[in-house]
């Protein structure tokens, strides 16, 4: 590829599941295409390729399928899967002396989330909307940010700068819409878990 200008402007079309031969990331919400350096592009391609390989590996697919089927909220489930993949790949690259820059983490993370949505559909989830994928992306971004900061692998100020750039380009109306969907997804998970807990208590009481 010639850089992020092309990568961020095109949608990836897949004939079958599996790691892409040449990664092309969707547009990160609220951003404009920008030219990447050859080194940034190399790191980006490696990051996305390793993430895809992990997602579609036999061992991880089994675990991810269990998460999808057991979780009461498919959006949150996708976020958990995407965050796990991104964080593991990030940590491995950092340990090998090839750190992933924040801009690659954010842009590549959305492509990973789109692939997770493809996996979720293959696992039986129906009717995943683009808004759900975007919401899952932001939920996953929060999980990754918290995990990497706690591990001492990420400078919170550096990543915050990238998020502020995205927020500035998105505009207040877009941000309000995303924030509302984030809160709705989190509330849906809490309500479902609470309902599940009550159901288990009722079953235990009936058994006694």
C-alpha atoms as a PDB file:
ATOM      1  CA  UNK A   1       0.000   0.000   0.000  1.00  0.00           C
ATOM      2  CA  UNK A   2       1.012   3.590  -0.415  1.00  0.00           C
ATOM      3  CA  UNK A   3       0.059   4.732   3.069  1.00  0.00           C
ATOM      4  CA  UNK A   4      -2.810   5.645   5.354  1.00  0.00           C
ATOM      5  CA  UNK A   5      -4.288   7.994   2.748  1.00  0.00           C
ATOM      6  CA  UNK A   6      -5.324   4.967   0.699  1.00  0.00           C
ATOM      7  CA  UNK A   7      -5.698   2.551   3.597  1.00  0.00           C
ATOM      8  CA  UNK A   8      -8.128   4.712   5.541  1.00  0.00           C
ATOM      9  CA  UNK A   9     -10.200   5.552   2.518  1.00  0.00           C
ATOM     10  CA  UNK A  10     -11.115   2.027   1.477  1.00  0.00           C
ATOM     11  CA  UNK A  11     -13.291  -0.711   2.886  1.00  0.00           C
ATOM     12  CA  UNK A  12     -11.867  -4.201   3.071  1.00  0.00           C
ATOM     13  CA  UNK A  13     -13.900  -6.815   1.206  1.00  0.00           C
ATOM     14  CA  UNK A  14     -13.341 -10.419   2.228  1.00  0.00           C
ATOM     15  CA  UNK A  15     -14.210 -13.505   0.221  1.00  0.00           C
ATOM     16  CA  UNK A  16     -13.450 -15.805   3.162  1.00  0.00           C
ATOM     17  CA  UNK A  17     -12.334 -15.546   6.785  1.00  0.00           C
ATOM     18  CA  UNK A  18      -8.654 -15.282   7.553  1.00  0.00           C
ATOM     19  CA  UNK A  19      -5.735 -12.842   7.722  1.00  0.00           C
ATOM     20  CA  UNK A  20      -5.741 -10.363   4.834  1.00  0.00           C
ATOM     21  CA  UNK A  21      -2.952 -10.380   2.294  1.00  0.00           C
ATOM     22  CA  UNK A  22      -2.851  -6.581   2.213  1.00  0.00           C
ATOM     23  CA  UNK A  23      -4.593  -4.794   5.095  1.00  0.00           C
ATOM     24  CA  UNK A  24      -6.882  -1.896   4.223  1.00  0.00           C
ATOM     25  CA  UNK A  25      -8.406  -0.173   7.197  1.00  0.00           C
ATOM     26  CA  UNK A  26     -11.836   1.470   7.280  1.00  0.00           C
ATOM     27  CA  UNK A  27     -12.096   5.130   8.194  1.00  0.00           C
ATOM     28  CA  UNK A  28     -11.713   5.802  11.895  1.00  0.00           C
ATOM     29  CA  UNK A  29     -14.835   7.755  12.905  1.00  0.00           C
ATOM     30  CA  UNK A  30     -14.299  11.484  12.600  1.00  0.00           C
ATOM     31  CA  UNK A  31     -10.846  11.429  11.042  1.00  0.00           C
ATOM     32  CA  UNK A  32      -9.514  12.422   7.656  1.00  0.00           C
ATOM     33  CA  UNK A  33      -7.041  10.360   5.619  1.00  0.00           C
ATOM     34  CA  UNK A  34      -3.394  11.208   6.117  1.00  0.00           C
ATOM     35  CA  UNK A  35      -0.191  10.063   4.508  1.00  0.00           C
ATOM     36  CA  UNK A  36       1.814   7.508   6.447  1.00  0.00           C
ATOM     37  CA  UNK A  37       5.561   7.062   6.403  1.00  0.00           C
ATOM     38  CA  UNK A  38       6.855   3.740   5.041  1.00  0.00           C
ATOM     39  CA  UNK A  39       7.790   2.734   8.600  1.00  0.00           C
ATOM     40  CA  UNK A  40       4.320   3.563   9.919  1.00  0.00           C
ATOM     41  CA  UNK A  41       2.809   1.531   7.099  1.00  0.00           C
ATOM     42  CA  UNK A  42       5.062  -1.430   7.839  1.00  0.00           C
ATOM     43  CA  UNK A  43       4.124  -1.357  11.527  1.00  0.00           C
ATOM     44  CA  UNK A  44       0.455  -0.947  10.630  1.00  0.00           C
ATOM     45  CA  UNK A  45       0.430  -3.905   8.248  1.00  0.00           C
ATOM     46  CA  UNK A  46       2.248  -6.073  10.779  1.00  0.00           C
ATOM     47  CA  UNK A  47      -0.074  -5.050  13.624  1.00  0.00           C
ATOM     48  CA  UNK A  48      -3.243  -5.734  11.627  1.00  0.00           C
ATOM     49  CA  UNK A  49      -1.888  -8.953  10.138  1.00  0.00           C
ATOM     50  CA  UNK A  50      -0.923 -10.380  13.524  1.00  0.00           C
ATOM     51  CA  UNK A  51      -4.285  -9.356  14.976  1.00  0.00           C
ATOM     52  CA  UNK A  52      -6.179 -11.101  12.179  1.00  0.00           C
ATOM     53  CA  UNK A  53      -4.034 -14.203  12.510  1.00  0.00           C
ATOM     54  CA  UNK A  54      -4.777 -14.353  16.234  1.00  0.00           C
ATOM     55  CA  UNK A  55      -8.526 -13.864  15.765  1.00  0.00           C
ATOM     56  CA  UNK A  56      -8.818 -16.651  13.213  1.00  0.00           C
ATOM     57  CA  UNK A  57      -6.471 -19.066  14.981  1.00  0.00           C
ATOM     58  CA  UNK A  58      -8.199 -22.279  16.021  1.00  0.00           C
ATOM     59  CA  UNK A  59      -7.423 -21.835  19.724  1.00  0.00           C
ATOM     60  CA  UNK A  60      -8.625 -18.229  19.979  1.00  0.00           C
ATOM     61  CA  UNK A  61     -11.705 -18.774  17.813  1.00  0.00           C
ATOM     62  CA  UNK A  62     -12.980 -21.343  20.293  1.00  0.00           C
ATOM     63  CA  UNK A  63     -12.593 -18.897  23.193  1.00  0.00           C
ATOM     64  CA  UNK A  64     -14.094 -15.996  21.231  1.00  0.00           C
ATOM     65  CA  UNK A  65     -17.095 -18.083  20.199  1.00  0.00           C
ATOM     66  CA  UNK A  66     -17.780 -18.902  23.859  1.00  0.00           C
ATOM     67  CA  UNK A  67     -17.654 -15.187  24.743  1.00  0.00           C
ATOM     68  CA  UNK A  68     -20.076 -14.323  21.937  1.00  0.00           C
ATOM     69  CA  UNK A  69     -22.554 -17.037  22.939  1.00  0.00           C
ATOM     70  CA  UNK A  70     -22.343 -16.493  26.714  1.00  0.00           C
ATOM     71  CA  UNK A  71     -22.329 -12.688  26.892  1.00  0.00           C
ATOM     72  CA  UNK A  72     -25.734 -10.975  27.201  1.00  0.00           C
ATOM     73  CA  UNK A  73     -24.642  -8.026  25.063  1.00  0.00           C
ATOM     74  CA  UNK A  74     -23.128  -8.736  21.633  1.00  0.00           C
ATOM     75  CA  UNK A  75     -21.657  -5.229  21.346  1.00  0.00           C
ATOM     76  CA  UNK A  76     -19.782  -5.556  24.621  1.00  0.00           C
ATOM     77  CA  UNK A  77     -18.753  -9.101  23.686  1.00  0.00           C
ATOM     78  CA  UNK A  78     -17.181  -7.850  20.451  1.00  0.00           C
ATOM     79  CA  UNK A  79     -15.406  -5.115  22.405  1.00  0.00           C
ATOM     80  CA  UNK A  80     -13.969  -7.680  24.820  1.00  0.00           C
ATOM     81  CA  UNK A  81     -12.676  -9.844  21.985  1.00  0.00           C
ATOM     82  CA  UNK A  82     -11.213  -6.922  20.055  1.00  0.00           C
ATOM     83  CA  UNK A  83      -9.579  -5.435  23.135  1.00  0.00           C
ATOM     84  CA  UNK A  84      -7.991  -8.775  24.054  1.00  0.00           C
ATOM     85  CA  UNK A  85      -6.499  -9.180  20.582  1.00  0.00           C
ATOM     86  CA  UNK A  86      -5.207  -5.625  20.288  1.00  0.00           C
ATOM     87  CA  UNK A  87      -3.691  -5.611  23.762  1.00  0.00           C
ATOM     88  CA  UNK A  88      -1.915  -8.948  23.296  1.00  0.00           C
ATOM     89  CA  UNK A  89      -0.485  -7.976  19.913  1.00  0.00           C
ATOM     90  CA  UNK A  90       0.563  -4.573  21.251  1.00  0.00           C
ATOM     91  CA  UNK A  91       2.290  -6.122  24.276  1.00  0.00           C
ATOM     92  CA  UNK A  92       4.067  -8.754  22.181  1.00  0.00           C
ATOM     93  CA  UNK A  93       5.336  -6.151  19.715  1.00  0.00           C
ATOM     94  CA  UNK A  94       6.529  -3.934  22.553  1.00  0.00           C
ATOM     95  CA  UNK A  95       8.361  -6.837  24.207  1.00  0.00           C
ATOM     96  CA  UNK A  96      10.097  -7.532  20.889  1.00  0.00           C
ATOM     97  CA  UNK A  97      11.307  -3.938  20.651  1.00  0.00           C
ATOM     98  CA  UNK A  98       8.825  -2.898  17.954  1.00  0.00           C
ATOM     99  CA  UNK A  99       6.367  -0.592  19.749  1.00  0.00           C
ATOM    100  CA  UNK A 100       3.067   0.236  18.056  1.00  0.00           C
ATOM    101  CA  UNK A 101       2.480   4.020  17.763  1.00  0.00           C
ATOM    102  CA  UNK A 102      -0.863   5.386  19.052  1.00  0.00           C
ATOM    103  CA  UNK A 103      -2.067   6.344  15.560  1.00  0.00           C
ATOM    104  CA  UNK A 104      -1.481   2.777  14.347  1.00  0.00           C
ATOM    105  CA  UNK A 105      -3.196   1.418  17.452  1.00  0.00           C
ATOM    106  CA  UNK A 106      -6.308   3.532  16.855  1.00  0.00           C
ATOM    107  CA  UNK A 107      -6.620   3.109  13.101  1.00  0.00           C
ATOM    108  CA  UNK A 108      -5.642  -0.554  13.121  1.00  0.00           C
ATOM    109  CA  UNK A 109      -7.971  -1.184  16.034  1.00  0.00           C
ATOM    110  CA  UNK A 110     -11.010  -0.265  13.951  1.00  0.00           C
ATOM    111  CA  UNK A 111     -10.044  -2.703  11.229  1.00  0.00           C
ATOM    112  CA  UNK A 112      -9.662  -5.383  13.864  1.00  0.00           C
ATOM    113  CA  UNK A 113     -13.117  -4.544  15.215  1.00  0.00           C
ATOM    114  CA  UNK A 114     -14.663  -4.871  11.764  1.00  0.00           C
ATOM    115  CA  UNK A 115     -13.063  -8.295  11.487  1.00  0.00           C
ATOM    116  CA  UNK A 116     -14.379  -9.232  14.931  1.00  0.00           C
ATOM    117  CA  UNK A 117     -17.869  -8.311  13.677  1.00  0.00           C
ATOM    118  CA  UNK A 118     -17.328 -10.641  10.702  1.00  0.00           C
ATOM    119  CA  UNK A 119     -16.332 -13.372  13.140  1.00  0.00           C
ATOM    120  CA  UNK A 120     -19.389 -12.686  15.326  1.00  0.00           C
ATOM    121  CA  UNK A 121     -21.650 -13.091  12.311  1.00  0.00           C
ATOM    122  CA  UNK A 122     -19.926 -16.366  11.450  1.00  0.00           C
ATOM    123  CA  UNK A 123     -20.548 -17.438  15.059  1.00  0.00           C
ATOM    124  CA  UNK A 124     -24.267 -16.874  14.649  1.00  0.00           C
ATOM    125  CA  UNK A 125     -24.900 -13.217  15.580  1.00  0.00           C
ATOM    126  CA  UNK A 126     -27.416 -11.697  13.176  1.00  0.00           C
ATOM    127  CA  UNK A 127     -27.995  -8.120  12.079  1.00  0.00           C
ATOM    128  CA  UNK A 128     -24.867  -6.359  13.335  1.00  0.00           C
ATOM    129  CA  UNK A 129     -25.219  -2.706  12.355  1.00  0.00           C
ATOM    130  CA  UNK A 130     -22.346  -0.280  11.603  1.00  0.00           C
ATOM    131  CA  UNK A 131     -23.290   1.738  14.698  1.00  0.00           C
ATOM    132  CA  UNK A 132     -22.790  -1.361  16.842  1.00  0.00           C
ATOM    133  CA  UNK A 133     -19.323  -1.914  15.398  1.00  0.00           C
ATOM    134  CA  UNK A 134     -18.411   1.707  16.041  1.00  0.00           C
ATOM    135  CA  UNK A 135     -19.722   1.486  19.600  1.00  0.00           C
ATOM    136  CA  UNK A 136     -17.768  -1.734  20.166  1.00  0.00           C
ATOM    137  CA  UNK A 137     -14.664   0.011  18.841  1.00  0.00           C
ATOM    138  CA  UNK A 138     -14.908   2.806  21.408  1.00  0.00           C
ATOM    139  CA  UNK A 139     -15.684   0.354  24.218  1.00  0.00           C
ATOM    140  CA  UNK A 140     -12.643  -1.709  23.212  1.00  0.00           C
ATOM    141  CA  UNK A 141     -10.479   1.410  22.996  1.00  0.00           C
ATOM    142  CA  UNK A 142     -11.296   2.220  26.617  1.00  0.00           C
ATOM    143  CA  UNK A 143     -10.468  -1.330  27.701  1.00  0.00           C
ATOM    144  CA  UNK A 144      -7.151  -1.292  25.825  1.00  0.00           C
ATOM    145  CA  UNK A 145      -6.219   2.150  27.113  1.00  0.00           C
ATOM    146  CA  UNK A 146      -6.858   1.167  30.720  1.00  0.00           C
ATOM    147  CA  UNK A 147      -5.017  -2.138  30.385  1.00  0.00           C
ATOM    148  CA  UNK A 148      -1.923  -0.733  28.705  1.00  0.00           C
ATOM    149  CA  UNK A 149      -1.672   2.227  31.070  1.00  0.00           C
ATOM    150  CA  UNK A 150      -1.901  -0.099  34.069  1.00  0.00           C
ATOM    151  CA  UNK A 151       0.820  -2.279  32.529  1.00  0.00           C
ATOM    152  CA  UNK A 152       3.028   0.775  32.090  1.00  0.00           C
ATOM    153  CA  UNK A 153       3.156   0.227  28.324  1.00  0.00           C
ATOM    154  CA  UNK A 154       1.400   3.377  27.204  1.00  0.00           C
ATOM    155  CA  UNK A 155       1.750   7.080  27.883  1.00  0.00           C
ATOM    156  CA  UNK A 156      -1.792   8.301  28.679  1.00  0.00           C
ATOM    157  CA  UNK A 157      -0.987  11.798  27.453  1.00  0.00           C
ATOM    158  CA  UNK A 158       0.208  10.551  24.069  1.00  0.00           C
ATOM    159  CA  UNK A 159      -2.896   8.456  23.428  1.00  0.00           C
ATOM    160  CA  UNK A 160      -5.137  11.200  24.790  1.00  0.00           C
ATOM    161  CA  UNK A 161      -3.770  13.509  22.103  1.00  0.00           C
ATOM    162  CA  UNK A 162      -4.835  11.086  19.390  1.00  0.00           C
ATOM    163  CA  UNK A 163      -8.329  10.781  20.871  1.00  0.00           C
ATOM    164  CA  UNK A 164      -8.669  14.546  21.135  1.00  0.00           C
ATOM    165  CA  UNK A 165      -7.838  14.833  17.442  1.00  0.00           C
ATOM    166  CA  UNK A 166     -10.567  12.320  16.603  1.00  0.00           C
ATOM    167  CA  UNK A 167     -13.051  14.104  18.871  1.00  0.00           C
ATOM    168  CA  UNK A 168     -12.241  17.483  17.336  1.00  0.00           C
ATOM    169  CA  UNK A 169     -12.859  16.220  13.803  1.00  0.00           C
ATOM    170  CA  UNK A 170     -15.996  14.309  14.756  1.00  0.00           C
ATOM    171  CA  UNK A 171     -17.858  17.315  16.124  1.00  0.00           C
ATOM    172  CA  UNK A 172     -20.108  17.702  19.168  1.00  0.00           C
ATOM    173  CA  UNK A 173     -23.210  16.116  17.604  1.00  0.00           C
ATOM    174  CA  UNK A 174     -21.295  12.984  16.562  1.00  0.00           C
ATOM    175  CA  UNK A 175     -19.659  12.688  19.971  1.00  0.00           C
ATOM    176  CA  UNK A 176     -22.988  13.056  21.768  1.00  0.00           C
ATOM    177  CA  UNK A 177     -24.442  10.297  19.597  1.00  0.00           C
ATOM    178  CA  UNK A 178     -21.500   7.968  20.276  1.00  0.00           C
ATOM    179  CA  UNK A 179     -21.565   8.711  23.994  1.00  0.00           C
ATOM    180  CA  UNK A 180     -25.264   7.915  24.123  1.00  0.00           C
ATOM    181  CA  UNK A 181     -24.683   4.575  22.410  1.00  0.00           C
ATOM    182  CA  UNK A 182     -21.797   3.764  24.758  1.00  0.00           C
ATOM    183  CA  UNK A 183     -23.960   4.406  27.791  1.00  0.00           C
ATOM    184  CA  UNK A 184     -26.780   2.389  26.261  1.00  0.00           C
ATOM    185  CA  UNK A 185     -24.490  -0.594  25.601  1.00  0.00           C
ATOM    186  CA  UNK A 186     -23.104  -0.507  29.127  1.00  0.00           C
ATOM    187  CA  UNK A 187     -26.609  -0.239  30.613  1.00  0.00           C
ATOM    188  CA  UNK A 188     -27.795  -3.153  28.477  1.00  0.00           C
ATOM    189  CA  UNK A 189     -24.971  -5.321  29.849  1.00  0.00           C
ATOM    190  CA  UNK A 190     -25.686  -4.308  33.444  1.00  0.00           C
ATOM    191  CA  UNK A 191     -29.415  -4.959  33.074  1.00  0.00           C
ATOM    192  CA  UNK A 192     -28.839  -8.351  31.458  1.00  0.00           C
ATOM    193  CA  UNK A 193     -26.355  -9.438  34.120  1.00  0.00           C
ATOM    194  CA  UNK A 194     -28.709  -8.284  36.874  1.00  0.00           C
ATOM    195  CA  UNK A 195     -31.593 -10.173  35.298  1.00  0.00           C
ATOM    196  CA  UNK A 196     -29.420 -13.267  34.910  1.00  0.00           C
ATOM    197  CA  UNK A 197     -28.377 -13.050  38.563  1.00  0.00           C
ATOM    198  CA  UNK A 198     -31.992 -12.830  39.724  1.00  0.00           C
ATOM    199  CA  UNK A 199     -32.882 -15.821  37.579  1.00  0.00           C
ATOM    200  CA  UNK A 200     -30.107 -17.896  39.119  1.00  0.00           C
ATOM    201  CA  UNK A 201     -31.232 -16.917  42.626  1.00  0.00           C
ATOM    202  CA  UNK A 202     -34.788 -17.955  41.831  1.00  0.00           C
ATOM    203  CA  UNK A 203     -33.601 -21.316  40.521  1.00  0.00           C
ATOM    204  CA  UNK A 204     -31.502 -21.899  43.617  1.00  0.00           C
ATOM    205  CA  UNK A 205     -34.461 -20.966  45.845  1.00  0.00           C
ATOM    206  CA  UNK A 206     -36.738 -23.349  43.986  1.00  0.00           C
ATOM    207  CA  UNK A 207     -34.176 -26.133  44.339  1.00  0.00           C
ATOM    208  CA  UNK A 208     -34.025 -25.624  48.118  1.00  0.00           C
END
